[in-house]
Amino acid sequence: MIVASAAALREVLPDGGVLLGLDPGTKTIGLALCDAGWRFASPAHTLVRRKFRDDKAAIAALVAARAVRGLVVGLPLNMDGSDSPRTQSARAMARNLADLALPILLWDERWTTVAAERAMIAQDMSRARRAERIDAHAAALILQGAIDAMTGAVI
């Protein structure tokens, strides 16, 4: 089930639970997890995309292993808020993950990759290490934004 807002996701998960954030790209999918109390999101790993069937199986395995209760999928809107081909791809991914029987929130991901890159540069992370981890860090920012909205945290 795809929910329309952070408030709607909070309503279907009143007891909280681990959430999985996804930053879908054309070549990789960044993954992040949050704690069951929705306080903080952490980068997990980056999944190299293959056939969607394989990607979905890897996501389903992580969902089962970590007892994930919901998904937050990054929605790459244009700067003016309009859809793009990448936005349509993210929406299709969410629809295709719906049979995991978890609530799914599409979350605006504008600027997350830039913010993740700046944070990693500030940590003096090498270019090679940043390239490996950028998508997972962006997924953590996407997920953190969603959980902050759900909990009313000051941003």
C-alpha atoms as a PDB file:
ATOM      1  CA  MET A   1       0.000   0.000   0.000  1.00  0.00           C
ATOM      2  CA  ILE A   2       1.433   3.355  -1.030  1.00  0.00           C
ATOM      3  CA  VAL A   3       0.556   6.069   1.482  1.00  0.00           C
ATOM      4  CA  ALA A   4       0.186   9.731   0.572  1.00  0.00           C
ATOM      5  CA  SER A   5       2.067  11.422   3.426  1.00  0.00           C
ATOM      6  CA  ALA A   6       4.304  10.969   6.454  1.00  0.00           C
ATOM      7  CA  ALA A   7       1.224  11.427   8.643  1.00  0.00           C
ATOM      8  CA  ALA A   8      -0.522   8.577   6.815  1.00  0.00           C
ATOM      9  CA  LEU A   9       2.500   6.306   7.328  1.00  0.00           C
ATOM     10  CA  ARG A  10       2.507   7.171  11.023  1.00  0.00           C
ATOM     11  CA  GLU A  11      -1.193   6.293  11.201  1.00  0.00           C
ATOM     12  CA  VAL A  12      -0.716   2.825   9.693  1.00  0.00           C
ATOM     13  CA  LEU A  13       2.302   2.176  11.964  1.00  0.00           C
ATOM     14  CA  PRO A  14       1.154   3.580  15.334  1.00  0.00           C
ATOM     15  CA  ASP A  15       3.633   1.393  17.249  1.00  0.00           C
ATOM     16  CA  GLY A  16       6.633   2.454  15.175  1.00  0.00           C
ATOM     17  CA  GLY A  17       9.023  -0.151  13.853  1.00  0.00           C
ATOM     18  CA  VAL A  18      12.107  -0.348  11.688  1.00  0.00           C
ATOM     19  CA  LEU A  19      11.803   1.447   8.352  1.00  0.00           C
ATOM     20  CA  LEU A  20      13.879   0.889   5.228  1.00  0.00           C
ATOM     21  CA  GLY A  21      14.824   3.904   3.127  1.00  0.00           C
ATOM     22  CA  LEU A  22      15.618   3.484  -0.553  1.00  0.00           C
ATOM     23  CA  ASP A  23      17.388   5.899  -2.880  1.00  0.00           C
ATOM     24  CA  PRO A  24      16.653   4.393  -6.310  1.00  0.00           C
ATOM     25  CA  GLY A  25      19.165   5.269  -8.998  1.00  0.00           C
ATOM     26  CA  THR A  26      19.680   3.968 -12.497  1.00  0.00           C
ATOM     27  CA  LYS A  27      22.686   1.813 -11.533  1.00  0.00           C
ATOM     28  CA  THR A  28      22.333   1.384  -7.773  1.00  0.00           C
ATOM     29  CA  ILE A  29      19.831   1.528  -4.929  1.00  0.00           C
ATOM     30  CA  GLY A  30      21.014   3.134  -1.713  1.00  0.00           C
ATOM     31  CA  LEU A  31      19.604   1.499   1.417  1.00  0.00           C
ATOM     32  CA  ALA A  32      19.248   2.878   4.933  1.00  0.00           C
ATOM     33  CA  LEU A  33      17.519   1.723   8.111  1.00  0.00           C
ATOM     34  CA  CYS A  34      16.095   3.539  11.101  1.00  0.00           C
ATOM     35  CA  ASP A  35      15.601   2.356  14.652  1.00  0.00           C
ATOM     36  CA  ALA A  36      12.165   1.128  15.766  1.00  0.00           C
ATOM     37  CA  GLY A  37      11.583   4.338  17.726  1.00  0.00           C
ATOM     38  CA  TRP A  38      12.102   6.511  14.637  1.00  0.00           C
ATOM     39  CA  ARG A  39      14.887   8.606  16.135  1.00  0.00           C
ATOM     40  CA  PHE A  40      17.748   8.179  13.671  1.00  0.00           C
ATOM     41  CA  ALA A  41      18.460   6.757  10.238  1.00  0.00           C
ATOM     42  CA  SER A  42      21.744   5.120   9.313  1.00  0.00           C
ATOM     43  CA  PRO A  43      23.181   4.149   5.930  1.00  0.00           C
ATOM     44  CA  ALA A  44      23.067   0.392   5.345  1.00  0.00           C
ATOM     45  CA  HIS A  45      24.617  -0.461   1.983  1.00  0.00           C
ATOM     46  CA  THR A  46      24.331   0.096  -1.738  1.00  0.00           C
ATOM     47  CA  LEU A  47      22.679  -2.493  -3.927  1.00  0.00           C
ATOM     48  CA  VAL A  48      24.011  -2.716  -7.488  1.00  0.00           C
ATOM     49  CA  ARG A  49      20.965  -2.936  -9.728  1.00  0.00           C
ATOM     50  CA  ARG A  50      20.397  -5.998 -11.808  1.00  0.00           C
ATOM     51  CA  LYS A  51      17.053  -7.314 -12.973  1.00  0.00           C
ATOM     52  CA  PHE A  52      14.226  -5.966 -10.841  1.00  0.00           C
ATOM     53  CA  ARG A  53      13.377  -9.500  -9.736  1.00  0.00           C
ATOM     54  CA  ASP A  54      16.868  -9.798  -8.179  1.00  0.00           C
ATOM     55  CA  ASP A  55      16.718  -6.311  -6.646  1.00  0.00           C
ATOM     56  CA  LYS A  56      13.331  -7.082  -5.111  1.00  0.00           C
ATOM     57  CA  ALA A  57      14.614 -10.385  -3.698  1.00  0.00           C
ATOM     58  CA  ALA A  58      17.553  -8.589  -2.047  1.00  0.00           C
ATOM     59  CA  ILE A  59      15.219  -5.945  -0.602  1.00  0.00           C
ATOM     60  CA  ALA A  60      12.801  -8.642   0.616  1.00  0.00           C
ATOM     61  CA  ALA A  61      15.687 -10.479   2.308  1.00  0.00           C
ATOM     62  CA  LEU A  62      16.708  -7.302   4.153  1.00  0.00           C
ATOM     63  CA  VAL A  63      13.076  -6.654   5.111  1.00  0.00           C
ATOM     64  CA  ALA A  64      12.843 -10.132   6.613  1.00  0.00           C
ATOM     65  CA  ALA A  65      16.244 -10.027   8.315  1.00  0.00           C
ATOM     66  CA  ARG A  66      15.639  -6.674  10.001  1.00  0.00           C
ATOM     67  CA  ALA A  67      11.872  -7.051  10.627  1.00  0.00           C
ATOM     68  CA  VAL A  68      11.167  -3.934   8.560  1.00  0.00           C
ATOM     69  CA  ARG A  69       7.637  -2.553   8.982  1.00  0.00           C
ATOM     70  CA  GLY A  70       7.577   0.061   6.192  1.00  0.00           C
ATOM     71  CA  LEU A  71       9.462   1.513   3.235  1.00  0.00           C
ATOM     72  CA  VAL A  72      10.398   5.091   2.353  1.00  0.00           C
ATOM     73  CA  VAL A  73      11.303   5.437  -1.315  1.00  0.00           C
ATOM     74  CA  GLY A  74      13.066   8.566  -2.527  1.00  0.00           C
ATOM     75  CA  LEU A  75      11.093  10.459  -5.149  1.00  0.00           C
ATOM     76  CA  PRO A  76      13.427  12.421  -7.456  1.00  0.00           C
ATOM     77  CA  LEU A  77      11.255  15.399  -8.350  1.00  0.00           C
ATOM     78  CA  ASN A  78      12.504  18.202 -10.577  1.00  0.00           C
ATOM     79  CA  MET A  79      13.455  21.406  -8.782  1.00  0.00           C
ATOM     80  CA  ASP A  80      10.068  22.922  -9.689  1.00  0.00           C
ATOM     81  CA  GLY A  81       8.294  19.916  -8.123  1.00  0.00           C
ATOM     82  CA  SER A  82       7.290  18.336 -11.416  1.00  0.00           C
ATOM     83  CA  ASP A  83       7.812  14.713 -12.398  1.00  0.00           C
ATOM     84  CA  SER A  84      10.621  13.440 -14.591  1.00  0.00           C
ATOM     85  CA  PRO A  85      11.416  10.042 -16.120  1.00  0.00           C
ATOM     86  CA  ARG A  86      13.367   9.199 -12.923  1.00  0.00           C
ATOM     87  CA  THR A  87      10.292  10.134 -10.855  1.00  0.00           C
ATOM     88  CA  GLN A  88       8.176   7.764 -12.909  1.00  0.00           C
ATOM     89  CA  SER A  89      10.774   5.032 -12.369  1.00  0.00           C
ATOM     90  CA  ALA A  90      10.688   5.548  -8.575  1.00  0.00           C
ATOM     91  CA  ARG A  91       6.886   5.402  -8.583  1.00  0.00           C
ATOM     92  CA  ALA A  92       7.025   2.176 -10.616  1.00  0.00           C
ATOM     93  CA  MET A  93       9.496   0.710  -8.140  1.00  0.00           C
ATOM     94  CA  ALA A  94       7.135   1.549  -5.266  1.00  0.00           C
ATOM     95  CA  ARG A  95       4.221  -0.084  -7.094  1.00  0.00           C
ATOM     96  CA  ASN A  96       6.312  -3.186  -7.774  1.00  0.00           C
ATOM     97  CA  LEU A  97       7.365  -3.412  -4.112  1.00  0.00           C
ATOM     98  CA  ALA A  98       3.757  -3.128  -2.924  1.00  0.00           C
ATOM     99  CA  ASP A  99       3.339  -6.899  -2.865  1.00  0.00           C
ATOM    100  CA  LEU A 100       5.805  -7.023   0.050  1.00  0.00           C
ATOM    101  CA  ALA A 101       2.676  -6.096   2.052  1.00  0.00           C
ATOM    102  CA  LEU A 102       4.333  -3.098   3.714  1.00  0.00           C
ATOM    103  CA  PRO A 103       3.225   0.519   3.700  1.00  0.00           C
ATOM    104  CA  ILE A 104       5.329   2.579   1.291  1.00  0.00           C
ATOM    105  CA  LEU A 105       5.889   6.327   1.467  1.00  0.00           C
ATOM    106  CA  LEU A 106       7.268   8.237  -1.521  1.00  0.00           C
ATOM    107  CA  TRP A 107       9.461  11.022  -0.095  1.00  0.00           C
ATOM    108  CA  ASP A 108      10.847  14.076  -1.910  1.00  0.00           C
ATOM    109  CA  GLU A 109      14.573  13.512  -2.290  1.00  0.00           C
ATOM    110  CA  ARG A 110      15.654  16.803  -3.836  1.00  0.00           C
ATOM    111  CA  TRP A 111      19.140  17.811  -2.652  1.00  0.00           C
ATOM    112  CA  THR A 112      19.774  14.614  -0.649  1.00  0.00           C
ATOM    113  CA  THR A 113      22.691  13.451  -2.793  1.00  0.00           C
ATOM    114  CA  VAL A 114      24.257  16.916  -2.649  1.00  0.00           C
ATOM    115  CA  ALA A 115      23.811  17.050   1.140  1.00  0.00           C
ATOM    116  CA  ALA A 116      25.249  13.552   1.523  1.00  0.00           C
ATOM    117  CA  GLU A 117      28.250  14.463  -0.632  1.00  0.00           C
ATOM    118  CA  ARG A 118      28.931  17.612   1.410  1.00  0.00           C
ATOM    119  CA  ALA A 119      28.687  15.705   4.695  1.00  0.00           C
ATOM    120  CA  MET A 120      31.126  13.060   3.486  1.00  0.00           C
ATOM    121  CA  ILE A 121      33.562  15.720   2.254  1.00  0.00           C
ATOM    122  CA  ALA A 122      33.325  17.368   5.678  1.00  0.00           C
ATOM    123  CA  GLN A 123      34.298  13.985   7.171  1.00  0.00           C
ATOM    124  CA  ASP A 124      37.365  14.027   4.895  1.00  0.00           C
ATOM    125  CA  MET A 125      36.203  10.867   3.140  1.00  0.00           C
ATOM    126  CA  SER A 126      38.162   9.946   0.029  1.00  0.00           C
ATOM    127  CA  ARG A 127      36.541  10.224  -3.397  1.00  0.00           C
ATOM    128  CA  ALA A 128      36.643   6.460  -3.850  1.00  0.00           C
ATOM    129  CA  ARG A 129      34.948   5.846  -0.492  1.00  0.00           C
ATOM    130  CA  ARG A 130      32.359   8.557  -1.238  1.00  0.00           C
ATOM    131  CA  ALA A 131      31.547   6.901  -4.567  1.00  0.00           C
ATOM    132  CA  GLU A 132      30.922   3.599  -2.768  1.00  0.00           C
ATOM    133  CA  ARG A 133      28.726   5.086  -0.040  1.00  0.00           C
ATOM    134  CA  ILE A 134      26.940   8.111  -1.558  1.00  0.00           C
ATOM    135  CA  ASP A 135      23.681   6.328  -2.353  1.00  0.00           C
ATOM    136  CA  ALA A 136      23.373   4.737   1.104  1.00  0.00           C
ATOM    137  CA  HIS A 137      24.065   8.118   2.742  1.00  0.00           C
ATOM    138  CA  ALA A 138      21.448   9.776   0.531  1.00  0.00           C
ATOM    139  CA  ALA A 139      18.978   7.016   1.497  1.00  0.00           C
ATOM    140  CA  ALA A 140      19.676   7.803   5.162  1.00  0.00           C
ATOM    141  CA  LEU A 141      18.898  11.493   4.547  1.00  0.00           C
ATOM    142  CA  ILE A 142      15.672  10.566   2.750  1.00  0.00           C
ATOM    143  CA  LEU A 143      14.653   8.297   5.617  1.00  0.00           C
ATOM    144  CA  GLN A 144      15.655  10.820   8.295  1.00  0.00           C
ATOM    145  CA  GLY A 145      13.528  13.501   6.639  1.00  0.00           C
ATOM    146  CA  ALA A 146      10.537  11.181   6.625  1.00  0.00           C
ATOM    147  CA  ILE A 147      10.925  10.090  10.257  1.00  0.00           C
ATOM    148  CA  ASP A 148      11.429  13.698  11.356  1.00  0.00           C
ATOM    149  CA  ALA A 149       8.148  14.578   9.610  1.00  0.00           C
ATOM    150  CA  MET A 150       6.398  11.621  11.248  1.00  0.00           C
ATOM    151  CA  THR A 151       7.599  12.450  14.737  1.00  0.00           C
ATOM    152  CA  GLY A 152       7.323  16.218  14.499  1.00  0.00           C
ATOM    153  CA  ALA A 153      11.071  16.664  15.055  1.00  0.00           C
ATOM    154  CA  VAL A 154      12.401  20.148  14.492  1.00  0.00           C
ATOM    155  CA  ILE A 155      14.383  20.210  11.253  1.00  0.00           C
END
